[in-house]
Amino acid sequence: MQRAPLVLAVLVLAAGCRTTPEEIQRIEVENELLREQVEIIRKNCSYYRELEIEAEDETEPTR
């Protein structure tokens, strides 16, 4: 997951486009924000699983 923006940047460079230092910095900042979000989700995994279970219960028809 962390490699996707880096791979995208490499593909852009390989295609002959020029990536500015500002674009590289923006991608690095975005990567860091995404890493932080993933870490938060991992730390709260049980909470998100409970939400999934509750959502599934709400969608099941009552008998």
PDB file of N, CA and C in Angstrom:
ATOM      1  N   MET A   1       0.816  -1.184   0.000  1.00  0.00           N
ATOM      2  CA  MET A   1       0.000   0.000   0.000  1.00  0.00           C
ATOM      3  C   MET A   1       0.859   1.247   0.000  1.00  0.00           C
ATOM      4  N   GLN A   2       1.965   1.200   0.690  1.00  0.00           N
ATOM      5  CA  GLN A   2       2.842   2.346   0.787  1.00  0.00           C
ATOM      6  C   GLN A   2       3.578   2.593  -0.525  1.00  0.00           C
ATOM      7  N   ARG A   3       3.675   1.621  -1.351  1.00  0.00           N
ATOM      8  CA  ARG A   3       4.473   1.735  -2.564  1.00  0.00           C
ATOM      9  C   ARG A   3       3.705   2.322  -3.732  1.00  0.00           C
ATOM     10  N   ALA A   4       2.386   2.345  -3.683  1.00  0.00           N
ATOM     11  CA  ALA A   4       1.592   2.762  -4.834  1.00  0.00           C
ATOM     12  C   ALA A   4       1.947   4.159  -5.340  1.00  0.00           C
ATOM     13  N   PRO A   5       1.969   5.195  -4.489  1.00  0.00           N
ATOM     14  CA  PRO A   5       2.333   6.513  -5.015  1.00  0.00           C
ATOM     15  C   PRO A   5       3.758   6.563  -5.542  1.00  0.00           C
ATOM     16  N   LEU A   6       4.676   5.835  -4.910  1.00  0.00           N
ATOM     17  CA  LEU A   6       6.051   5.802  -5.389  1.00  0.00           C
ATOM     18  C   LEU A   6       6.108   5.141  -6.762  1.00  0.00           C
ATOM     19  N   VAL A   7       5.384   4.053  -6.928  1.00  0.00           N
ATOM     20  CA  VAL A   7       5.336   3.370  -8.221  1.00  0.00           C
ATOM     21  C   VAL A   7       4.747   4.303  -9.270  1.00  0.00           C
ATOM     22  N   LEU A   8       3.711   5.032  -8.909  1.00  0.00           N
ATOM     23  CA  LEU A   8       3.096   5.980  -9.828  1.00  0.00           C
ATOM     24  C   LEU A   8       4.107   7.042 -10.240  1.00  0.00           C
ATOM     25  N   ALA A   9       4.854   7.567  -9.285  1.00  0.00           N
ATOM     26  CA  ALA A   9       5.860   8.579  -9.592  1.00  0.00           C
ATOM     27  C   ALA A   9       6.919   8.026 -10.543  1.00  0.00           C
ATOM     28  N   VAL A  10       7.343   6.789 -10.322  1.00  0.00           N
ATOM     29  CA  VAL A  10       8.342   6.169 -11.194  1.00  0.00           C
ATOM     30  C   VAL A  10       7.774   5.981 -12.592  1.00  0.00           C
ATOM     31  N   LEU A  11       6.522   5.561 -12.694  1.00  0.00           N
ATOM     32  CA  LEU A  11       5.901   5.379 -14.004  1.00  0.00           C
ATOM     33  C   LEU A  11       5.794   6.695 -14.754  1.00  0.00           C
ATOM     34  N   VAL A  12       5.466   7.755 -14.038  1.00  0.00           N
ATOM     35  CA  VAL A  12       5.379   9.075 -14.672  1.00  0.00           C
ATOM     36  C   VAL A  12       6.751   9.474 -15.206  1.00  0.00           C
ATOM     37  N   LEU A  13       7.773   9.264 -14.405  1.00  0.00           N
ATOM     38  CA  LEU A  13       9.137   9.580 -14.851  1.00  0.00           C
ATOM     39  C   LEU A  13       9.535   8.727 -16.051  1.00  0.00           C
ATOM     40  N   ALA A  14       9.193   7.448 -16.001  1.00  0.00           N
ATOM     41  CA  ALA A  14       9.546   6.541 -17.091  1.00  0.00           C
ATOM     42  C   ALA A  14       8.830   6.908 -18.378  1.00  0.00           C
ATOM     43  N   ALA A  15       7.674   7.529 -18.266  1.00  0.00           N
ATOM     44  CA  ALA A  15       6.912   7.916 -19.445  1.00  0.00           C
ATOM     45  C   ALA A  15       7.469   9.182 -20.080  1.00  0.00           C
ATOM     46  N   GLY A  16       8.493   9.765 -19.481  1.00  0.00           N
ATOM     47  CA  GLY A  16       9.112  10.942 -20.073  1.00  0.00           C
ATOM     48  C   GLY A  16       8.615  12.245 -19.483  1.00  0.00           C
ATOM     49  N   CYS A  17       7.745  12.187 -18.502  1.00  0.00           N
ATOM     50  CA  CYS A  17       7.250  13.402 -17.862  1.00  0.00           C
ATOM     51  C   CYS A  17       8.247  13.838 -16.807  1.00  0.00           C
ATOM     52  N   ARG A  18       8.296  15.120 -16.564  1.00  0.00           N
ATOM     53  CA  ARG A  18       9.177  15.635 -15.523  1.00  0.00           C
ATOM     54  C   ARG A  18       8.365  15.842 -14.252  1.00  0.00           C
ATOM     55  N   THR A  19       8.887  15.323 -13.173  1.00  0.00           N
ATOM     56  CA  THR A  19       8.246  15.505 -11.880  1.00  0.00           C
ATOM     57  C   THR A  19       9.040  16.578 -11.136  1.00  0.00           C
ATOM     58  N   THR A  20       8.331  17.597 -10.698  1.00  0.00           N
ATOM     59  CA  THR A  20       8.998  18.690 -10.005  1.00  0.00           C
ATOM     60  C   THR A  20       9.252  18.304  -8.549  1.00  0.00           C
ATOM     61  N   PRO A  21      10.204  18.972  -7.922  1.00  0.00           N
ATOM     62  CA  PRO A  21      10.444  18.712  -6.505  1.00  0.00           C
ATOM     63  C   PRO A  21       9.195  18.952  -5.653  1.00  0.00           C
ATOM     64  N   GLU A  22       8.372  19.916  -6.054  1.00  0.00           N
ATOM     65  CA  GLU A  22       7.133  20.183  -5.318  1.00  0.00           C
ATOM     66  C   GLU A  22       6.176  19.007  -5.409  1.00  0.00           C
ATOM     67  N   GLU A  23       6.082  18.391  -6.586  1.00  0.00           N
ATOM     68  CA  GLU A  23       5.218  17.225  -6.760  1.00  0.00           C
ATOM     69  C   GLU A  23       5.723  16.048  -5.930  1.00  0.00           C
ATOM     70  N   ILE A  24       7.031  15.870  -5.921  1.00  0.00           N
ATOM     71  CA  ILE A  24       7.611  14.781  -5.131  1.00  0.00           C
ATOM     72  C   ILE A  24       7.316  15.010  -3.652  1.00  0.00           C
ATOM     73  N   GLN A  25       7.470  16.254  -3.187  1.00  0.00           N
ATOM     74  CA  GLN A  25       7.192  16.558  -1.787  1.00  0.00           C
ATOM     75  C   GLN A  25       5.721  16.317  -1.463  1.00  0.00           C
ATOM     76  N   ARG A  26       4.825  16.703  -2.378  1.00  0.00           N
ATOM     77  CA  ARG A  26       3.393  16.485  -2.167  1.00  0.00           C
ATOM     78  C   ARG A  26       3.094  15.001  -2.046  1.00  0.00           C
ATOM     79  N   ILE A  27       3.707  14.197  -2.897  1.00  0.00           N
ATOM     80  CA  ILE A  27       3.499  12.745  -2.847  1.00  0.00           C
ATOM     81  C   ILE A  27       4.030  12.169  -1.539  1.00  0.00           C
ATOM     82  N   GLU A  28       5.191  12.646  -1.100  1.00  0.00           N
ATOM     83  CA  GLU A  28       5.755  12.156   0.161  1.00  0.00           C
ATOM     84  C   GLU A  28       4.861  12.514   1.343  1.00  0.00           C
ATOM     85  N   VAL A  29       4.318  13.726   1.350  1.00  0.00           N
ATOM     86  CA  VAL A  29       3.413  14.141   2.422  1.00  0.00           C
ATOM     87  C   VAL A  29       2.147  13.283   2.392  1.00  0.00           C
ATOM     88  N   GLU A  30       1.621  13.065   1.199  1.00  0.00           N
ATOM     89  CA  GLU A  30       0.423  12.233   1.060  1.00  0.00           C
ATOM     90  C   GLU A  30       0.699  10.818   1.552  1.00  0.00           C
ATOM     91  N   ASN A  31       1.867  10.287   1.216  1.00  0.00           N
ATOM     92  CA  ASN A  31       2.239   8.941   1.679  1.00  0.00           C
ATOM     93  C   ASN A  31       2.246   8.882   3.198  1.00  0.00           C
ATOM     94  N   GLU A  32       2.835   9.892   3.824  1.00  0.00           N
ATOM     95  CA  GLU A  32       2.922   9.907   5.280  1.00  0.00           C
ATOM     96  C   GLU A  32       1.527   9.968   5.906  1.00  0.00           C
ATOM     97  N   LEU A  33       0.646  10.788   5.342  1.00  0.00           N
ATOM     98  CA  LEU A  33      -0.725  10.879   5.859  1.00  0.00           C
ATOM     99  C   LEU A  33      -1.443   9.540   5.725  1.00  0.00           C
ATOM    100  N   LEU A  34      -1.263   8.881   4.590  1.00  0.00           N
ATOM    101  CA  LEU A  34      -1.893   7.574   4.387  1.00  0.00           C
ATOM    102  C   LEU A  34      -1.342   6.546   5.366  1.00  0.00           C
ATOM    103  N   ARG A  35      -0.037   6.570   5.598  1.00  0.00           N
ATOM    104  CA  ARG A  35       0.563   5.644   6.570  1.00  0.00           C
ATOM    105  C   ARG A  35      -0.036   5.862   7.955  1.00  0.00           C
ATOM    106  N   GLU A  36      -0.218   7.132   8.340  1.00  0.00           N
ATOM    107  CA  GLU A  36      -0.794   7.431   9.645  1.00  0.00           C
ATOM    108  C   GLU A  36      -2.234   6.931   9.733  1.00  0.00           C
ATOM    109  N   GLN A  37      -3.005   7.103   8.665  1.00  0.00           N
ATOM    110  CA  GLN A  37      -4.388   6.630   8.661  1.00  0.00           C
ATOM    111  C   GLN A  37      -4.454   5.116   8.767  1.00  0.00           C
ATOM    112  N   VAL A  38      -3.590   4.425   8.057  1.00  0.00           N
ATOM    113  CA  VAL A  38      -3.560   2.960   8.116  1.00  0.00           C
ATOM    114  C   VAL A  38      -3.196   2.514   9.525  1.00  0.00           C
ATOM    115  N   GLU A  39      -2.244   3.181  10.153  1.00  0.00           N
ATOM    116  CA  GLU A  39      -1.842   2.818  11.512  1.00  0.00           C
ATOM    117  C   GLU A  39      -3.001   3.024  12.489  1.00  0.00           C
ATOM    118  N   ILE A  40      -3.738   4.099  12.339  1.00  0.00           N
ATOM    119  CA  ILE A  40      -4.897   4.345  13.207  1.00  0.00           C
ATOM    120  C   ILE A  40      -5.928   3.235  13.035  1.00  0.00           C
ATOM    121  N   ILE A  41      -6.190   2.853  11.808  1.00  0.00           N
ATOM    122  CA  ILE A  41      -7.164   1.789  11.551  1.00  0.00           C
ATOM    123  C   ILE A  41      -6.675   0.474  12.153  1.00  0.00           C
ATOM    124  N   ARG A  42      -5.392   0.176  12.006  1.00  0.00           N
ATOM    125  CA  ARG A  42      -4.854  -1.063  12.584  1.00  0.00           C
ATOM    126  C   ARG A  42      -4.991  -1.065  14.098  1.00  0.00           C
ATOM    127  N   LYS A  43      -4.735   0.077  14.731  1.00  0.00           N
ATOM    128  CA  LYS A  43      -4.837   0.161  16.188  1.00  0.00           C
ATOM    129  C   LYS A  43      -6.274   0.008  16.658  1.00  0.00           C
ATOM    130  N   ASN A  44      -7.224   0.389  15.818  1.00  0.00           N
ATOM    131  CA  ASN A  44      -8.636   0.342  16.191  1.00  0.00           C
ATOM    132  C   ASN A  44      -9.385  -0.754  15.445  1.00  0.00           C
ATOM    133  N   CYS A  45      -8.691  -1.775  15.041  1.00  0.00           N
ATOM    134  CA  CYS A  45      -9.274  -2.821  14.205  1.00  0.00           C
ATOM    135  C   CYS A  45     -10.520  -3.447  14.831  1.00  0.00           C
ATOM    136  N   SER A  46     -10.497  -3.750  16.106  1.00  0.00           N
ATOM    137  CA  SER A  46     -11.649  -4.396  16.731  1.00  0.00           C
ATOM    138  C   SER A  46     -12.870  -3.471  16.688  1.00  0.00           C
ATOM    139  N   TYR A  47     -12.659  -2.175  16.852  1.00  0.00           N
ATOM    140  CA  TYR A  47     -13.766  -1.218  16.781  1.00  0.00           C
ATOM    141  C   TYR A  47     -14.401  -1.245  15.394  1.00  0.00           C
ATOM    142  N   TYR A  48     -13.564  -1.241  14.346  1.00  0.00           N
ATOM    143  CA  TYR A  48     -14.098  -1.244  12.988  1.00  0.00           C
ATOM    144  C   TYR A  48     -14.794  -2.571  12.674  1.00  0.00           C
ATOM    145  N   ARG A  49     -14.312  -3.671  13.228  1.00  0.00           N
ATOM    146  CA  ARG A  49     -14.990  -4.960  13.036  1.00  0.00           C
ATOM    147  C   ARG A  49     -16.373  -4.931  13.677  1.00  0.00           C
ATOM    148  N   GLU A  50     -16.474  -4.327  14.854  1.00  0.00           N
ATOM    149  CA  GLU A  50     -17.782  -4.206  15.515  1.00  0.00           C
ATOM    150  C   GLU A  50     -18.740  -3.395  14.664  1.00  0.00           C
ATOM    151  N   LEU A  51     -18.243  -2.330  14.045  1.00  0.00           N
ATOM    152  CA  LEU A  51     -19.092  -1.529  13.169  1.00  0.00           C
ATOM    153  C   LEU A  51     -19.581  -2.350  11.988  1.00  0.00           C
ATOM    154  N   GLU A  52     -18.700  -3.177  11.424  1.00  0.00           N
ATOM    155  CA  GLU A  52     -19.096  -4.032  10.310  1.00  0.00           C
ATOM    156  C   GLU A  52     -20.187  -4.999  10.731  1.00  0.00           C
ATOM    157  N   ILE A  53     -20.023  -5.604  11.904  1.00  0.00           N
ATOM    158  CA  ILE A  53     -21.009  -6.569  12.401  1.00  0.00           C
ATOM    159  C   ILE A  53     -22.351  -5.878  12.616  1.00  0.00           C
ATOM    160  N   GLU A  54     -22.326  -4.681  13.206  1.00  0.00           N
ATOM    161  CA  GLU A  54     -23.566  -3.939  13.422  1.00  0.00           C
ATOM    162  C   GLU A  54     -24.229  -3.597  12.099  1.00  0.00           C
ATOM    163  N   ALA A  55     -23.442  -3.198  11.114  1.00  0.00           N
ATOM    164  CA  ALA A  55     -23.997  -2.856   9.800  1.00  0.00           C
ATOM    165  C   ALA A  55     -24.607  -4.087   9.147  1.00  0.00           C
ATOM    166  N   GLU A  56     -23.957  -5.234   9.280  1.00  0.00           N
ATOM    167  CA  GLU A  56     -24.505  -6.467   8.713  1.00  0.00           C
ATOM    168  C   GLU A  56     -25.811  -6.828   9.406  1.00  0.00           C
ATOM    169  N   ASP A  57     -25.877  -6.670  10.713  1.00  0.00           N
ATOM    170  CA  ASP A  57     -27.097  -6.981  11.457  1.00  0.00           C
ATOM    171  C   ASP A  57     -28.257  -6.095  11.014  1.00  0.00           C
ATOM    172  N   GLU A  58     -27.965  -4.848  10.715  1.00  0.00           N
ATOM    173  CA  GLU A  58     -29.011  -3.913  10.298  1.00  0.00           C
ATOM    174  C   GLU A  58     -29.541  -4.232   8.915  1.00  0.00           C
ATOM    175  N   THR A  59     -28.722  -4.829   8.058  1.00  0.00           N
ATOM    176  CA  THR A  59     -29.160  -5.126   6.689  1.00  0.00           C
ATOM    177  C   THR A  59     -29.893  -6.456   6.585  1.00  0.00           C
ATOM    178  N   GLU A  60     -29.759  -7.321   7.594  1.00  0.00           N
ATOM    179  CA  GLU A  60     -30.425  -8.619   7.541  1.00  0.00           C
ATOM    180  C   GLU A  60     -31.929  -8.420   7.805  1.00  0.00           C
ATOM    181  N   PRO A  61     -32.753  -9.070   7.003  1.00  0.00           N
ATOM    182  CA  PRO A  61     -34.192  -8.948   7.232  1.00  0.00           C
ATOM    183  C   PRO A  61     -34.620  -9.636   8.541  1.00  0.00           C
ATOM    184  N   THR A  62     -35.576  -9.046   9.208  1.00  0.00           N
ATOM    185  CA  THR A  62     -36.089  -9.651  10.438  1.00  0.00           C
ATOM    186  C   THR A  62     -37.151 -10.670  10.096  1.00  0.00           C
ATOM    187  N   ARG A  63     -37.229 -11.708  10.902  1.00  0.00           N
ATOM    188  CA  ARG A  63     -38.198 -12.789  10.613  1.00  0.00           C
ATOM    189  C   ARG A  63     -39.339 -12.724  11.558  1.00  0.00           C
TER     190      ARG A  63
END
